[in-house]
Amino acid sequence: MKGERKLLDKDTIVSLLEGLRKRETEEITIAKEDFLDFRSVLVKEPDFKHFRGIAQHGGSVIYRFLNEPRS
């Protein structure tokens, strides 16, 4: 695919999620091109419902970690 880039591998994604869990970072922004790879790892996490994704104009998503799981 033209313009396709793959910046996030599984280890990087797990590291980003761990940073949110430990409150080392408040939020992360995932580019549209990386969303499917990121989400495939995220949904397998046992605390998946603690992560909140907020879609942005243009296709990127901002993720934050919540103290309480979303419903």
N, C-alpha and C. Protein backbone atom coordinates (compact mmCIF):
# COMPACT_ATOMS: atom_id res chain seq x y z
N MET A 1 0.82 -1.18 0.00
CA MET A 1 0.00 0.00 0.00
C MET A 1 0.87 1.25 0.00
N LYS A 2 0.52 2.20 -0.78
CA LYS A 2 1.29 3.43 -0.87
C LYS A 2 1.24 4.20 0.45
N GLY A 3 2.39 4.63 0.91
CA GLY A 3 2.46 5.43 2.12
C GLY A 3 2.30 4.65 3.42
N GLU A 4 2.16 3.33 3.33
CA GLU A 4 1.98 2.52 4.54
C GLU A 4 3.27 2.46 5.33
N ARG A 5 3.16 2.61 6.63
CA ARG A 5 4.33 2.52 7.48
C ARG A 5 3.98 1.66 8.68
N LYS A 6 4.95 0.98 9.18
CA LYS A 6 4.72 0.12 10.34
C LYS A 6 5.78 0.46 11.37
N LEU A 7 5.40 1.31 12.32
CA LEU A 7 6.34 1.77 13.33
C LEU A 7 6.25 0.97 14.61
N LEU A 8 5.08 0.44 14.90
CA LEU A 8 4.86 -0.22 16.18
C LEU A 8 4.86 -1.73 16.05
N ASP A 9 5.85 -2.36 16.71
CA ASP A 9 5.82 -3.82 16.80
C ASP A 9 5.20 -4.19 18.15
N LYS A 10 5.00 -5.47 18.38
CA LYS A 10 4.31 -5.91 19.59
C LYS A 10 5.02 -5.45 20.86
N ASP A 11 6.34 -5.56 20.90
CA ASP A 11 7.10 -5.16 22.09
C ASP A 11 6.94 -3.66 22.38
N THR A 12 6.95 -2.86 21.33
CA THR A 12 6.77 -1.41 21.51
C THR A 12 5.38 -1.10 22.04
N ILE A 13 4.38 -1.78 21.50
CA ILE A 13 3.00 -1.57 21.94
C ILE A 13 2.85 -1.95 23.42
N VAL A 14 3.39 -3.10 23.80
CA VAL A 14 3.31 -3.54 25.19
C VAL A 14 4.00 -2.52 26.10
N SER A 15 5.12 -1.99 25.67
CA SER A 15 5.84 -0.99 26.44
C SER A 15 5.02 0.29 26.60
N LEU A 16 4.36 0.73 25.54
CA LEU A 16 3.50 1.91 25.61
C LEU A 16 2.34 1.69 26.59
N LEU A 17 1.73 0.51 26.53
CA LEU A 17 0.61 0.20 27.43
C LEU A 17 1.09 0.17 28.88
N GLU A 18 2.26 -0.39 29.10
CA GLU A 18 2.81 -0.46 30.45
C GLU A 18 3.10 0.94 31.00
N GLY A 19 3.56 1.82 30.14
CA GLY A 19 3.80 3.21 30.55
C GLY A 19 2.52 3.90 31.00
N LEU A 20 1.42 3.61 30.31
CA LEU A 20 0.13 4.17 30.73
C LEU A 20 -0.31 3.57 32.07
N ARG A 21 -0.18 2.26 32.20
CA ARG A 21 -0.57 1.58 33.44
C ARG A 21 0.16 2.13 34.66
N LYS A 22 1.45 2.33 34.50
CA LYS A 22 2.29 2.77 35.62
C LYS A 22 2.25 4.28 35.81
N ARG A 23 1.46 4.96 34.98
CA ARG A 23 1.32 6.42 35.04
C ARG A 23 2.63 7.15 34.71
N GLU A 24 3.49 6.48 33.96
CA GLU A 24 4.72 7.12 33.50
C GLU A 24 4.41 8.13 32.41
N THR A 25 3.28 7.91 31.74
CA THR A 25 2.79 8.83 30.72
C THR A 25 1.28 8.95 30.88
N GLU A 26 0.75 10.13 30.60
CA GLU A 26 -0.67 10.38 30.78
C GLU A 26 -1.50 9.86 29.60
N GLU A 27 -0.94 10.00 28.40
CA GLU A 27 -1.66 9.55 27.21
C GLU A 27 -0.68 9.24 26.09
N ILE A 28 -1.14 8.43 25.16
CA ILE A 28 -0.36 8.14 23.95
C ILE A 28 -1.26 8.36 22.74
N THR A 29 -0.65 8.77 21.65
CA THR A 29 -1.39 8.97 20.41
C THR A 29 -0.94 7.91 19.41
N ILE A 30 -1.92 7.20 18.88
CA ILE A 30 -1.66 6.14 17.90
C ILE A 30 -2.13 6.62 16.53
N ALA A 31 -1.23 6.60 15.57
CA ALA A 31 -1.55 7.02 14.21
C ALA A 31 -2.51 6.03 13.55
N LYS A 32 -3.27 6.53 12.62
CA LYS A 32 -4.23 5.72 11.89
C LYS A 32 -3.59 4.46 11.30
N GLU A 33 -2.38 4.61 10.79
CA GLU A 33 -1.68 3.49 10.15
C GLU A 33 -1.30 2.39 11.15
N ASP A 34 -1.18 2.74 12.41
CA ASP A 34 -0.78 1.79 13.43
C ASP A 34 -1.94 1.24 14.26
N PHE A 35 -3.13 1.77 14.03
CA PHE A 35 -4.27 1.45 14.88
C PHE A 35 -4.58 -0.05 14.93
N LEU A 36 -4.67 -0.72 13.82
CA LEU A 36 -5.06 -2.13 13.83
C LEU A 36 -4.03 -3.00 14.55
N ASP A 37 -2.74 -2.73 14.33
CA ASP A 37 -1.70 -3.48 15.04
C ASP A 37 -1.79 -3.21 16.54
N PHE A 38 -1.97 -1.94 16.90
CA PHE A 38 -2.06 -1.57 18.31
C PHE A 38 -3.27 -2.23 18.96
N ARG A 39 -4.41 -2.14 18.32
CA ARG A 39 -5.64 -2.69 18.91
C ARG A 39 -5.57 -4.21 19.05
N SER A 40 -4.93 -4.88 18.11
CA SER A 40 -4.84 -6.35 18.19
C SER A 40 -4.08 -6.79 19.43
N VAL A 41 -3.12 -5.98 19.88
CA VAL A 41 -2.39 -6.27 21.12
C VAL A 41 -3.23 -5.83 22.32
N LEU A 42 -3.80 -4.65 22.26
CA LEU A 42 -4.57 -4.09 23.37
C LEU A 42 -5.72 -4.99 23.81
N VAL A 43 -6.49 -5.52 22.88
CA VAL A 43 -7.67 -6.31 23.25
C VAL A 43 -7.32 -7.62 23.96
N LYS A 44 -6.08 -8.04 23.88
CA LYS A 44 -5.65 -9.26 24.55
C LYS A 44 -5.18 -9.01 25.98
N GLU A 45 -5.08 -7.74 26.36
CA GLU A 45 -4.63 -7.39 27.70
C GLU A 45 -5.74 -7.66 28.72
N PRO A 46 -5.39 -8.20 29.90
CA PRO A 46 -6.42 -8.52 30.90
C PRO A 46 -7.16 -7.28 31.42
N ASP A 47 -6.50 -6.13 31.38
CA ASP A 47 -7.15 -4.90 31.86
C ASP A 47 -7.57 -4.00 30.68
N PHE A 48 -7.91 -4.62 29.58
CA PHE A 48 -8.31 -3.93 28.36
C PHE A 48 -9.33 -2.82 28.61
N LYS A 49 -10.30 -3.07 29.47
CA LYS A 49 -11.38 -2.09 29.69
C LYS A 49 -10.93 -0.87 30.48
N HIS A 50 -9.70 -0.87 30.97
CA HIS A 50 -9.17 0.31 31.66
C HIS A 50 -8.58 1.32 30.67
N PHE A 51 -8.44 0.92 29.42
CA PHE A 51 -7.90 1.81 28.40
C PHE A 51 -9.03 2.46 27.63
N ARG A 52 -8.94 3.77 27.51
CA ARG A 52 -9.96 4.51 26.78
C ARG A 52 -9.33 5.15 25.56
N GLY A 53 -9.90 4.87 24.40
CA GLY A 53 -9.43 5.46 23.16
C GLY A 53 -10.37 6.57 22.72
N ILE A 54 -9.80 7.71 22.36
CA ILE A 54 -10.59 8.86 21.91
C ILE A 54 -10.17 9.17 20.48
N ALA A 55 -11.08 8.92 19.56
CA ALA A 55 -10.79 9.12 18.14
C ALA A 55 -10.60 10.60 17.84
N GLN A 56 -9.63 10.88 16.97
CA GLN A 56 -9.33 12.24 16.57
C GLN A 56 -9.65 12.42 15.09
N HIS A 57 -9.84 13.64 14.71
CA HIS A 57 -10.04 13.96 13.30
C HIS A 57 -8.81 13.53 12.52
N GLY A 58 -8.98 12.82 11.45
CA GLY A 58 -7.85 12.35 10.65
C GLY A 58 -7.47 10.90 10.91
N GLY A 59 -8.07 10.30 11.93
CA GLY A 59 -7.87 8.87 12.13
C GLY A 59 -6.97 8.45 13.28
N SER A 60 -6.26 9.37 13.91
CA SER A 60 -5.44 8.97 15.05
C SER A 60 -6.34 8.79 16.27
N VAL A 61 -5.80 8.09 17.27
CA VAL A 61 -6.56 7.81 18.49
C VAL A 61 -5.67 8.11 19.69
N ILE A 62 -6.22 8.84 20.67
CA ILE A 62 -5.51 9.12 21.92
C ILE A 62 -6.00 8.11 22.95
N TYR A 63 -5.05 7.42 23.59
CA TYR A 63 -5.38 6.44 24.62
C TYR A 63 -4.95 6.95 25.98
N ARG A 64 -5.82 6.70 26.97
CA ARG A 64 -5.54 7.02 28.37
C ARG A 64 -5.90 5.80 29.21
N PHE A 65 -5.30 5.71 30.38
CA PHE A 65 -5.58 4.63 31.31
C PHE A 65 -6.53 5.14 32.39
N LEU A 66 -7.61 4.40 32.63
CA LEU A 66 -8.63 4.78 33.62
C LEU A 66 -8.47 3.98 34.90
N ASN A 67 -8.72 4.60 36.04
CA ASN A 67 -8.68 3.88 37.32
C ASN A 67 -9.79 2.83 37.38
N GLU A 68 -10.95 3.17 36.88
CA GLU A 68 -12.09 2.26 36.85
C GLU A 68 -12.32 1.78 35.42
N PRO A 69 -12.62 0.49 35.23
CA PRO A 69 -12.87 0.01 33.87
C PRO A 69 -14.11 0.64 33.27
N ARG A 70 -14.07 0.89 31.98
CA ARG A 70 -15.26 1.42 31.30
C ARG A 70 -16.28 0.31 31.18
N SER A 71 -17.51 0.69 31.02
CA SER A 71 -18.59 -0.32 30.95
C SER A 71 -18.76 -0.85 29.56
